[in-house]
Amino acid sequence: MITLRCLAILMLALVLPAPVHARESLEQLVATAAPGATLSVPAGVHVVHLKLDKPVTLTGEPGAILDGGGYGDIVRISAANVTVRGLTLRHSGSDLTAMNAGIFIERTARDVVIDGNRIEDSLFGVYLDGAANVRVERNVIRGMRALRVADRGDGIHLWNDTGCTIDGNDIAGSRDGIYVYVSSHNTITRNVVHDVRYGVHYMYSQDNLLQGNVSRGNLAGYALMSSHHLKVIGNSSADDASYGFLLNYIAHSEIAGNRVYRVKGQSDDAGGTIEGTEGKGLFVYLSQFNSFHDNLVADSQIGIHVTAGSENNRLWGNHFEDNRIQVKYVQNLAQEWSERGRGNFWSDYLGWDLDADGIGDIPFRPNDGVDVLLWKYPSARNLMSSPSVLLLRYVQRAFPVFTPPSVQDSHPLMKTSPATP
C-alpha cells in the first residue's frame, strides 16, 4: 500500500529535472552555439574536453577553470575565427606521441586568437599544427615540472605554421619555451621564458622576426638551427647556463641589438665549470653570410666562439665587455671584423686613440697561435708559464708572419656604450 509520503516523493521525482553536471552543460552549450556566438564560461571547475569546430568566442569569468582530468587535449580548435580568452586551463594528458596540449590548434584553423589565459600542468601549452594567422598573446604557461625535461612538451609549439604572432607570453617549466619548426613568416615578440631547456628554438624555418624577447635561467637562451633569413633584434639573455645565442647552420640572417649577460657554463658539484661546457655569449657554428651588429656580450666565460666553417659573416658595432675569453676562434681562415671603418668595442683592448676619432689607432687581435694550440690540445695548459710558450708569444708579436690566420678588428671602438641598431 502506497503511503502519502511515498506518493509525494514519486511526484517530485517526476516533476524535477535530473541533475546536469558542469561538463555536460558546458559541452552542450558549445555544441549548440550558433556560429559567431560569444560564450561566457562561469566560475568554477569544469572537467571538459572541448572541440571548437565553428567560429565562436569563449571567454572566462573570474575563477573559470577548464580541467582536462589528466588525459587528452583540454581545448581543440579546428575552425577559423575562434577566440579563447581569460580562462585557466589545467591538467592535460601527458602523451608526447599524441601531443596532448592545453590548447591544440589544427591545420584547418585560421585567424585564431588565444589571449590572456593561464595554462598550467599541460604537456604542451599551445600546439599549432599547420595553422595560419594565429595570435597567441599575453598567456601564462607552465609545463609539467614533475616530468623529466626530455618527457615534457614545449610551452608554445609551431609546426608548419605561417603568419602567426606569438607575443607577450610568460613561459616556464616546459621543455623548450617556444619551438618553431618548418614555419615561415612568423613574428615572435616580447615573450619572457625562464626555467626551460632552450628559451626559443628554431629548426628549418625562415623569414621570421624574433624581437624583444627575454630569456633567463635557461640552459640556452636562443637556439637557432638550420634556418635562414631570420631577424633577431633586441632580445636579451641573462644567466643562461651554456649559450646566450647558439647559431648552428644559420644563413643570411641579422643578429642585432641583443644583450647577453653572465653565461657562466655548467657547474659540477664542487662549483667548478664542467670541461667543455664553458658559457658562450655567442656561439657560431657552420653559419655563413650573417650580420652581427650592435650586440652586447658581458661577464661571460666566452664572448663569441666561431668554428666549423663559419665564413663571410660581418661584425661591427658589437660590445664585448669583461668576458674571461673575448673571442674563441677555431678556424684556419683570416677574417676582418669591422665594416666601413667601424669595428667593435673590446674591454681588453690596449691600444690608443691619438686623433680622438673614437677608433683605436692599432688593430685588435684577440687570439694568437698559443690560444689556438691550447684550444686544440687542452692538456698543453700545463705549459702556460713555461719559457717556450712565452718565447712563442714574443715571436708572434715581433714577427706577425708566424701568427696563424685569425680574427682582426682593424677599427676597434674606444667607447663603451653600445649603439641602438
Protein backbone atom coordinates (compact mmCIF):
# COMPACT_ATOMS: atom_id res chain seq x y z
CA MET A 1 0.00 0.00 0.00
CA ILE A 2 1.44 3.33 -1.10
CA THR A 3 1.55 5.87 1.69
CA LEU A 4 1.00 9.55 1.16
CA ARG A 5 4.70 10.21 1.87
CA CYS A 6 5.85 7.78 -0.85
CA LEU A 7 3.37 9.27 -3.28
CA ALA A 8 4.72 12.76 -2.66
CA ILE A 9 8.32 11.62 -3.28
CA LEU A 10 7.27 9.90 -6.53
CA MET A 11 5.52 13.05 -7.78
CA LEU A 12 8.58 15.21 -7.01
CA ALA A 13 10.83 12.79 -8.95
CA LEU A 14 8.57 13.13 -11.98
CA VAL A 15 8.47 16.93 -11.82
CA LEU A 16 12.13 17.83 -11.02
CA PRO A 17 14.77 17.56 -13.81
CA ALA A 18 17.75 15.24 -13.42
CA PRO A 19 20.94 16.98 -12.20
CA VAL A 20 23.19 18.28 -15.01
CA HIS A 21 26.96 18.15 -14.49
CA ALA A 22 29.13 21.16 -15.41
CA ARG A 23 30.89 19.06 -18.06
CA GLU A 24 27.65 18.20 -19.81
CA SER A 25 26.22 21.71 -19.66
CA LEU A 26 29.36 23.46 -20.99
CA GLU A 27 29.93 21.00 -23.79
CA GLN A 28 26.26 21.18 -24.73
CA LEU A 29 26.46 24.97 -24.73
CA VAL A 30 29.41 24.83 -27.15
CA ALA A 31 27.75 22.19 -29.35
CA THR A 32 24.52 24.15 -29.76
CA ALA A 33 26.06 27.61 -30.11
CA ALA A 34 25.44 29.47 -33.35
CA PRO A 35 28.49 30.41 -35.48
CA GLY A 36 29.87 33.75 -34.28
CA ALA A 37 28.40 33.39 -30.79
CA THR A 38 30.20 34.59 -27.64
CA LEU A 39 30.07 32.05 -24.82
CA SER A 40 30.83 33.03 -21.24
CA VAL A 41 32.24 30.28 -19.01
CA PRO A 42 31.05 30.73 -15.41
CA ALA A 43 33.32 30.49 -12.38
CA GLY A 44 34.06 27.00 -11.14
CA VAL A 45 35.93 23.90 -12.22
CA HIS A 46 34.64 22.40 -15.47
CA VAL A 47 36.08 18.96 -16.28
CA VAL A 48 35.86 19.13 -20.07
CA HIS A 49 37.46 18.35 -23.42
CA LEU A 50 36.03 20.99 -25.72
CA LYS A 51 36.04 20.83 -29.53
CA LEU A 52 35.60 24.21 -31.16
CA ASP A 53 34.64 23.43 -34.76
CA LYS A 54 32.80 26.65 -35.58
CA PRO A 55 33.61 30.37 -35.23
CA VAL A 56 32.97 31.18 -31.55
CA THR A 57 34.44 33.30 -28.77
CA LEU A 58 34.98 31.51 -25.46
CA THR A 59 35.59 33.86 -22.53
CA GLY A 60 36.08 33.00 -18.89
CA GLU A 61 34.51 34.77 -15.97
CA PRO A 62 36.84 35.28 -12.98
CA GLY A 63 37.56 31.86 -11.47
CA ALA A 64 36.55 29.84 -14.55
CA ILE A 65 38.74 26.73 -14.84
CA LEU A 66 38.76 24.09 -17.58
CA ASP A 67 40.27 20.86 -16.23
CA GLY A 68 41.35 18.10 -18.59
CA GLY A 69 41.39 15.45 -15.91
CA GLY A 70 44.89 14.34 -16.87
CA TYR A 71 44.16 12.99 -20.36
CA GLY A 72 43.81 14.31 -23.91
CA ASP A 73 43.62 17.94 -25.00
CA ILE A 74 41.59 20.40 -22.96
CA VAL A 75 40.53 22.55 -25.92
CA ARG A 76 40.89 21.51 -29.56
CA ILE A 77 40.26 24.07 -32.30
CA SER A 78 39.58 23.14 -35.94
CA ALA A 79 37.63 26.19 -37.19
CA ALA A 80 38.53 29.68 -38.32
CA ASN A 81 37.82 32.83 -36.31
CA VAL A 82 37.87 31.23 -32.86
CA THR A 83 38.90 33.18 -29.74
CA VAL A 84 39.74 31.70 -26.34
CA ARG A 85 40.25 34.38 -23.69
CA GLY A 86 40.57 34.78 -19.95
CA LEU A 87 40.43 31.12 -18.88
CA THR A 88 42.54 28.89 -16.67
CA LEU A 89 43.24 25.53 -18.36
CA ARG A 90 44.94 22.76 -16.44
CA HIS A 91 45.75 19.02 -16.34
CA SER A 92 46.08 17.94 -19.97
CA GLY A 93 47.25 14.45 -20.82
CA SER A 94 50.95 13.59 -20.81
CA ASP A 95 51.24 11.55 -24.03
CA LEU A 96 54.03 13.03 -26.16
CA THR A 97 53.10 10.87 -29.16
CA ALA A 98 49.55 12.23 -29.09
CA MET A 99 50.89 15.76 -28.49
CA ASN A 100 48.47 16.41 -25.64
CA ALA A 101 48.02 20.14 -25.09
CA GLY A 102 46.14 22.73 -23.12
CA ILE A 103 45.03 24.17 -26.47
CA PHE A 104 45.59 22.26 -29.73
CA ILE A 105 45.04 24.21 -32.97
CA GLU A 106 44.55 22.05 -36.06
CA ARG A 107 45.74 22.85 -39.57
CA THR A 108 42.21 23.74 -40.72
CA ALA A 109 42.13 26.64 -38.25
CA ARG A 110 42.72 30.21 -39.39
CA ASP A 111 42.65 33.59 -37.66
CA VAL A 112 42.50 32.11 -34.16
CA VAL A 113 43.20 34.24 -31.05
CA ILE A 114 44.47 32.74 -27.78
CA ASP A 115 44.61 35.67 -25.37
CA GLY A 116 45.10 36.22 -21.66
CA ASN A 117 44.78 32.63 -20.47
CA ARG A 118 46.64 30.71 -17.80
CA ILE A 119 47.66 27.23 -18.95
CA GLU A 120 49.24 25.05 -16.28
CA ASP A 121 50.26 21.44 -15.76
CA SER A 122 49.86 20.82 -19.50
CA LEU A 123 52.26 18.81 -21.68
CA PHE A 124 52.21 21.39 -24.48
CA GLY A 125 50.76 24.74 -23.58
CA VAL A 126 49.60 25.73 -27.07
CA TYR A 127 50.30 23.45 -30.06
CA LEU A 128 49.88 24.94 -33.54
CA ASP A 129 49.69 22.11 -36.07
CA GLY A 130 49.88 23.73 -39.50
CA ALA A 131 47.55 26.63 -38.78
CA ALA A 132 47.82 30.14 -40.22
CA ASN A 133 47.42 33.67 -38.89
CA VAL A 134 47.11 32.61 -35.26
CA ARG A 135 47.73 35.09 -32.43
CA VAL A 136 48.93 33.69 -29.09
CA GLU A 137 49.17 36.68 -26.76
CA ARG A 138 49.54 37.53 -23.07
CA ASN A 139 49.20 33.96 -21.79
CA VAL A 140 50.92 32.46 -18.75
CA ILE A 141 52.07 28.91 -19.49
CA ARG A 142 53.51 26.42 -17.01
CA GLY A 143 54.60 22.95 -18.05
CA MET A 144 54.63 19.63 -16.26
CA ARG A 145 57.55 20.15 -13.89
CA ALA A 146 57.14 16.69 -12.38
CA LEU A 147 58.30 15.12 -15.66
CA ARG A 148 61.89 14.84 -16.85
CA VAL A 149 62.76 17.66 -19.23
CA ALA A 150 63.00 15.23 -22.15
CA ASP A 151 59.46 13.98 -21.43
CA ARG A 152 57.86 17.43 -21.37
CA GLY A 153 56.31 19.29 -24.26
CA ASP A 154 57.02 22.87 -25.28
CA GLY A 155 55.30 25.95 -23.95
CA ILE A 156 54.26 27.06 -27.45
CA HIS A 157 54.97 24.74 -30.38
CA LEU A 158 54.71 25.78 -34.04
CA TRP A 159 54.79 23.11 -36.76
CA ASN A 160 54.38 24.16 -40.39
CA ASP A 161 52.61 27.38 -39.42
CA THR A 162 52.70 30.72 -41.19
CA GLY A 163 51.67 34.28 -40.45
CA CYS A 164 51.45 33.68 -36.70
CA THR A 165 52.19 36.14 -33.90
CA ILE A 166 53.46 34.93 -30.53
CA ASP A 167 53.55 37.99 -28.29
CA GLY A 168 53.84 38.85 -24.61
CA ASN A 169 53.61 35.34 -23.13
CA ASP A 170 55.26 34.18 -19.89
CA ILE A 171 56.52 30.59 -20.16
CA ALA A 172 58.28 28.31 -17.66
CA GLY A 173 58.69 24.66 -16.72
CA SER A 174 58.37 23.21 -20.23
CA ARG A 175 60.98 21.51 -22.42
CA ASP A 176 61.57 24.49 -24.74
CA GLY A 177 59.78 27.77 -24.26
CA ILE A 178 58.86 28.45 -27.89
CA TYR A 179 59.72 25.88 -30.57
CA VAL A 180 59.42 26.91 -34.23
CA TYR A 181 59.72 24.02 -36.71
CA VAL A 182 59.35 24.30 -40.50
CA SER A 183 57.42 27.55 -40.11
CA SER A 184 57.86 30.72 -42.15
CA HIS A 185 56.80 34.36 -41.88
CA ASN A 186 56.05 34.36 -38.16
CA THR A 187 56.62 37.03 -35.51
CA ILE A 188 57.89 36.12 -32.03
CA THR A 189 57.97 39.20 -29.80
CA ARG A 190 58.12 40.33 -26.15
CA ASN A 191 57.88 36.88 -24.58
CA VAL A 192 59.54 36.05 -21.24
CA VAL A 193 60.89 32.49 -20.95
CA HIS A 194 62.60 31.04 -17.90
CA ASP A 195 63.48 27.68 -16.31
CA VAL A 196 63.38 25.65 -19.54
CA ARG A 197 65.95 23.99 -21.82
CA TYR A 198 66.01 26.43 -24.77
CA GLY A 199 64.16 29.72 -24.43
CA VAL A 200 63.42 29.95 -28.17
CA HIS A 201 64.32 27.09 -30.50
CA TYR A 202 64.25 27.35 -34.30
CA MET A 203 64.58 24.48 -36.78
CA TYR A 204 64.20 24.63 -40.59
CA SER A 205 62.38 27.95 -40.58
CA GLN A 206 62.86 31.17 -42.49
CA ASP A 207 61.72 34.77 -42.75
CA ASN A 208 60.87 35.07 -39.06
CA LEU A 209 61.13 38.09 -36.78
CA LEU A 210 62.41 37.37 -33.25
CA GLN A 211 62.35 40.65 -31.33
CA GLY A 212 62.27 41.96 -27.78
CA ASN A 213 62.15 38.58 -26.04
CA VAL A 214 63.67 37.82 -22.63
CA SER A 215 65.41 34.58 -21.69
CA ARG A 216 66.71 33.96 -18.19
CA GLY A 217 67.89 30.97 -16.23
CA ASN A 218 67.66 28.51 -19.12
CA LEU A 219 70.22 26.06 -20.49
CA ALA A 220 70.40 28.23 -23.62
CA GLY A 221 68.63 31.45 -24.45
CA TYR A 222 68.12 31.20 -28.22
CA ALA A 223 68.99 28.03 -30.16
CA LEU A 224 68.76 28.92 -33.84
CA MET A 225 69.37 25.94 -36.12
CA SER A 226 69.15 25.10 -39.82
CA SER A 227 67.25 28.28 -40.69
CA HIS A 228 67.79 31.37 -42.83
CA HIS A 229 66.63 34.94 -43.26
CA LEU A 230 65.89 35.47 -39.58
CA LYS A 231 65.78 38.90 -37.98
CA VAL A 232 66.93 38.52 -34.37
CA ILE A 233 66.62 42.01 -32.93
CA GLY A 234 66.73 43.46 -29.42
CA ASN A 235 66.41 40.25 -27.40
CA SER A 236 68.10 39.58 -24.07
CA SER A 237 69.69 36.60 -22.36
CA ALA A 238 70.65 36.68 -18.68
CA ASP A 239 72.08 33.92 -16.51
CA ASP A 240 71.54 31.21 -19.11
CA ALA A 241 73.87 28.30 -18.42
CA SER A 242 75.57 27.36 -21.72
CA TYR A 243 74.67 29.78 -24.50
CA GLY A 244 73.15 33.20 -24.94
CA PHE A 245 72.69 32.74 -28.70
CA LEU A 246 73.56 29.46 -30.40
CA LEU A 247 73.67 29.62 -34.20
CA ASN A 248 74.01 26.28 -35.98
CA TYR A 249 73.81 26.37 -39.78
CA ILE A 250 72.19 29.81 -39.90
CA ALA A 251 72.49 31.86 -43.08
CA HIS A 252 71.55 35.31 -44.39
CA SER A 253 70.27 36.50 -41.02
CA GLU A 254 70.61 39.67 -38.96
CA ILE A 255 71.60 39.45 -35.29
CA ALA A 256 71.42 42.99 -33.91
CA GLY A 257 70.89 44.94 -30.72
CA ASN A 258 70.75 41.88 -28.48
CA ARG A 259 72.07 41.76 -24.89
CA VAL A 260 73.78 38.80 -23.24
CA TYR A 261 74.82 38.77 -19.58
CA ARG A 262 76.51 36.22 -17.31
CA VAL A 263 76.66 32.99 -19.31
CA LYS A 264 78.79 31.06 -16.83
CA GLY A 265 78.69 27.46 -18.10
CA GLN A 266 77.53 24.30 -16.39
CA SER A 267 78.89 23.67 -12.91
CA ASP A 268 79.93 20.46 -11.22
CA ASP A 269 79.16 19.55 -7.61
CA ALA A 270 82.23 21.45 -6.43
CA GLY A 271 81.13 24.64 -8.12
CA GLY A 272 83.67 24.48 -10.95
CA THR A 273 82.87 24.54 -14.64
CA ILE A 274 82.49 21.16 -16.33
CA GLU A 275 85.15 20.71 -19.03
CA GLY A 276 83.76 21.58 -22.46
CA THR A 277 80.65 23.36 -21.13
CA GLU A 278 82.07 26.87 -20.81
CA GLY A 279 79.40 29.54 -21.16
CA LYS A 280 79.33 31.24 -24.57
CA GLY A 281 77.58 34.52 -25.22
CA LEU A 282 77.51 33.93 -28.98
CA PHE A 283 78.28 30.51 -30.46
CA VAL A 284 78.54 30.47 -34.25
CA TYR A 285 78.80 27.02 -35.86
CA LEU A 286 78.72 26.38 -39.61
CA SER A 287 76.90 29.66 -40.20
CA GLN A 288 77.55 31.98 -43.14
CA PHE A 289 76.52 35.33 -44.64
CA ASN A 290 75.08 36.74 -41.42
CA SER A 291 75.47 40.22 -39.95
CA PHE A 292 76.15 40.75 -36.25
CA HIS A 293 75.98 44.35 -35.13
CA ASP A 294 75.34 46.45 -32.03
CA ASN A 295 75.09 43.46 -29.70
CA LEU A 296 76.40 43.44 -26.12
CA VAL A 297 78.02 40.38 -24.54
CA ALA A 298 79.21 40.87 -20.97
CA ASP A 299 80.50 38.97 -17.95
CA SER A 300 80.50 35.58 -19.66
CA GLN A 301 83.16 32.91 -19.88
CA ILE A 302 83.49 33.25 -23.66
CA GLY A 303 82.20 36.29 -25.52
CA ILE A 304 81.99 34.77 -29.01
CA HIS A 305 83.05 31.33 -30.23
CA VAL A 306 83.30 30.85 -34.00
CA THR A 307 84.06 27.47 -35.56
CA ALA A 308 83.27 24.78 -38.17
CA GLY A 309 83.40 26.74 -41.42
CA SER A 310 81.59 29.89 -40.27
CA GLU A 311 82.63 32.29 -43.03
CA ASN A 312 81.53 35.52 -44.68
CA ASN A 313 79.90 36.87 -41.55
CA ARG A 314 80.06 40.62 -40.91
CA LEU A 315 80.62 42.01 -37.42
CA TRP A 316 80.62 45.66 -36.38
CA GLY A 317 79.43 47.84 -33.53
CA ASN A 318 79.32 44.96 -31.04
CA HIS A 319 80.49 45.37 -27.44
CA PHE A 320 82.39 42.61 -25.66
CA GLU A 321 82.86 43.60 -22.05
CA ASP A 322 84.65 41.72 -19.27
CA ASN A 323 84.34 38.26 -20.74
CA ARG A 324 87.03 35.88 -19.49
CA ILE A 325 87.84 34.96 -23.12
CA GLN A 326 86.59 37.58 -25.53
CA VAL A 327 86.99 35.52 -28.71
CA LYS A 328 87.49 31.82 -29.30
CA TYR A 329 88.20 31.41 -32.99
CA VAL A 330 88.97 27.87 -34.12
CA GLN A 331 89.40 28.18 -37.89
CA ASN A 332 92.31 28.43 -40.28
CA LEU A 333 90.97 31.47 -42.10
CA ALA A 334 91.73 35.15 -41.63
CA GLN A 335 88.67 37.32 -41.02
CA GLU A 336 88.20 41.06 -40.64
CA TRP A 337 85.65 42.08 -38.03
CA SER A 338 84.90 45.68 -38.95
CA GLU A 339 82.68 47.32 -41.51
CA ARG A 340 83.26 50.64 -43.30
CA GLY A 341 85.76 51.84 -40.76
CA ARG A 342 83.71 50.82 -37.71
CA GLY A 343 84.78 47.87 -35.62
CA ASN A 344 83.73 46.60 -32.22
CA PHE A 345 84.40 47.55 -28.62
CA TRP A 346 86.71 45.23 -26.64
CA SER A 347 87.14 45.92 -22.94
CA ASP A 348 90.65 44.40 -23.01
CA TYR A 349 91.88 46.46 -25.96
CA LEU A 350 95.16 48.12 -25.00
CA GLY A 351 95.53 50.47 -27.96
CA TRP A 352 95.20 54.23 -28.09
CA ASP A 353 93.31 56.91 -29.99
CA LEU A 354 95.66 59.85 -30.61
CA ASP A 355 93.36 61.64 -33.06
CA ALA A 356 90.33 61.25 -30.75
CA ASP A 357 88.05 59.96 -33.50
CA GLY A 358 86.66 57.15 -31.33
CA ILE A 359 88.56 54.48 -33.28
CA GLY A 360 91.67 52.75 -31.96
CA ASP A 361 94.86 53.51 -33.88
CA ILE A 362 96.14 49.91 -33.93
CA PRO A 363 94.17 46.74 -34.78
CA PHE A 364 92.79 44.41 -32.14
CA ARG A 365 93.87 40.80 -32.50
CA PRO A 366 92.19 38.73 -29.79
CA ASN A 367 93.95 35.41 -30.41
CA ASP A 368 97.40 34.15 -31.29
CA GLY A 369 98.89 30.77 -32.13
CA VAL A 370 99.24 29.80 -28.48
CA ASP A 371 95.50 30.29 -27.92
CA VAL A 372 94.70 28.03 -30.87
CA LEU A 373 97.18 25.44 -29.61
CA LEU A 374 95.55 25.39 -26.16
CA TRP A 375 92.04 25.06 -27.60
CA LYS A 376 93.07 22.12 -29.76
CA TYR A 377 95.19 20.47 -27.04
CA PRO A 378 93.79 21.45 -23.60
CA SER A 379 96.45 19.42 -21.78
CA ALA A 380 99.04 21.93 -23.04
CA ARG A 381 97.77 24.36 -20.40
CA ASN A 382 100.33 22.86 -18.06
CA LEU A 383 102.97 24.64 -20.15
CA MET A 384 101.36 28.09 -19.98
CA SER A 385 104.12 29.63 -17.85
CA SER A 386 106.99 27.78 -19.48
CA PRO A 387 109.80 29.71 -21.24
CA SER A 388 108.94 28.03 -24.55
CA VAL A 389 105.35 29.35 -24.55
CA LEU A 390 106.47 32.83 -23.53
CA LEU A 391 109.05 32.80 -26.33
CA LEU A 392 106.42 31.67 -28.85
CA ARG A 393 104.13 34.55 -27.89
CA TYR A 394 107.03 37.03 -28.19
CA VAL A 395 107.98 35.73 -31.64
CA GLN A 396 104.41 36.04 -32.89
CA ARG A 397 104.18 39.63 -31.69
CA ALA A 398 107.54 40.58 -33.12
CA PHE A 399 107.09 38.71 -36.40
CA PRO A 400 103.38 38.57 -37.35
CA VAL A 401 104.22 36.33 -40.29
CA PHE A 402 104.38 33.46 -37.79
CA THR A 403 100.87 34.18 -36.47
CA PRO A 404 98.27 31.75 -37.86
CA PRO A 405 95.21 33.13 -39.69
CA SER A 406 92.73 34.51 -37.20
CA VAL A 407 90.40 37.40 -36.42
CA GLN A 408 91.41 41.04 -36.70
CA ASP A 409 89.42 44.16 -35.90
CA SER A 410 91.22 46.96 -37.76
CA HIS A 411 88.98 49.71 -36.37
CA PRO A 412 88.25 48.89 -32.70
CA LEU A 413 85.85 51.21 -30.91
CA MET A 414 87.03 53.20 -27.90
CA LYS A 415 83.55 53.98 -26.49
CA THR A 416 81.83 51.65 -24.06
CA SER A 417 78.15 52.26 -24.79
CA PRO A 418 76.60 50.03 -27.45
CA ALA A 419 74.62 51.87 -30.08
CA THR A 420 70.99 51.19 -30.90
CA PRO A 421 70.63 49.34 -34.21
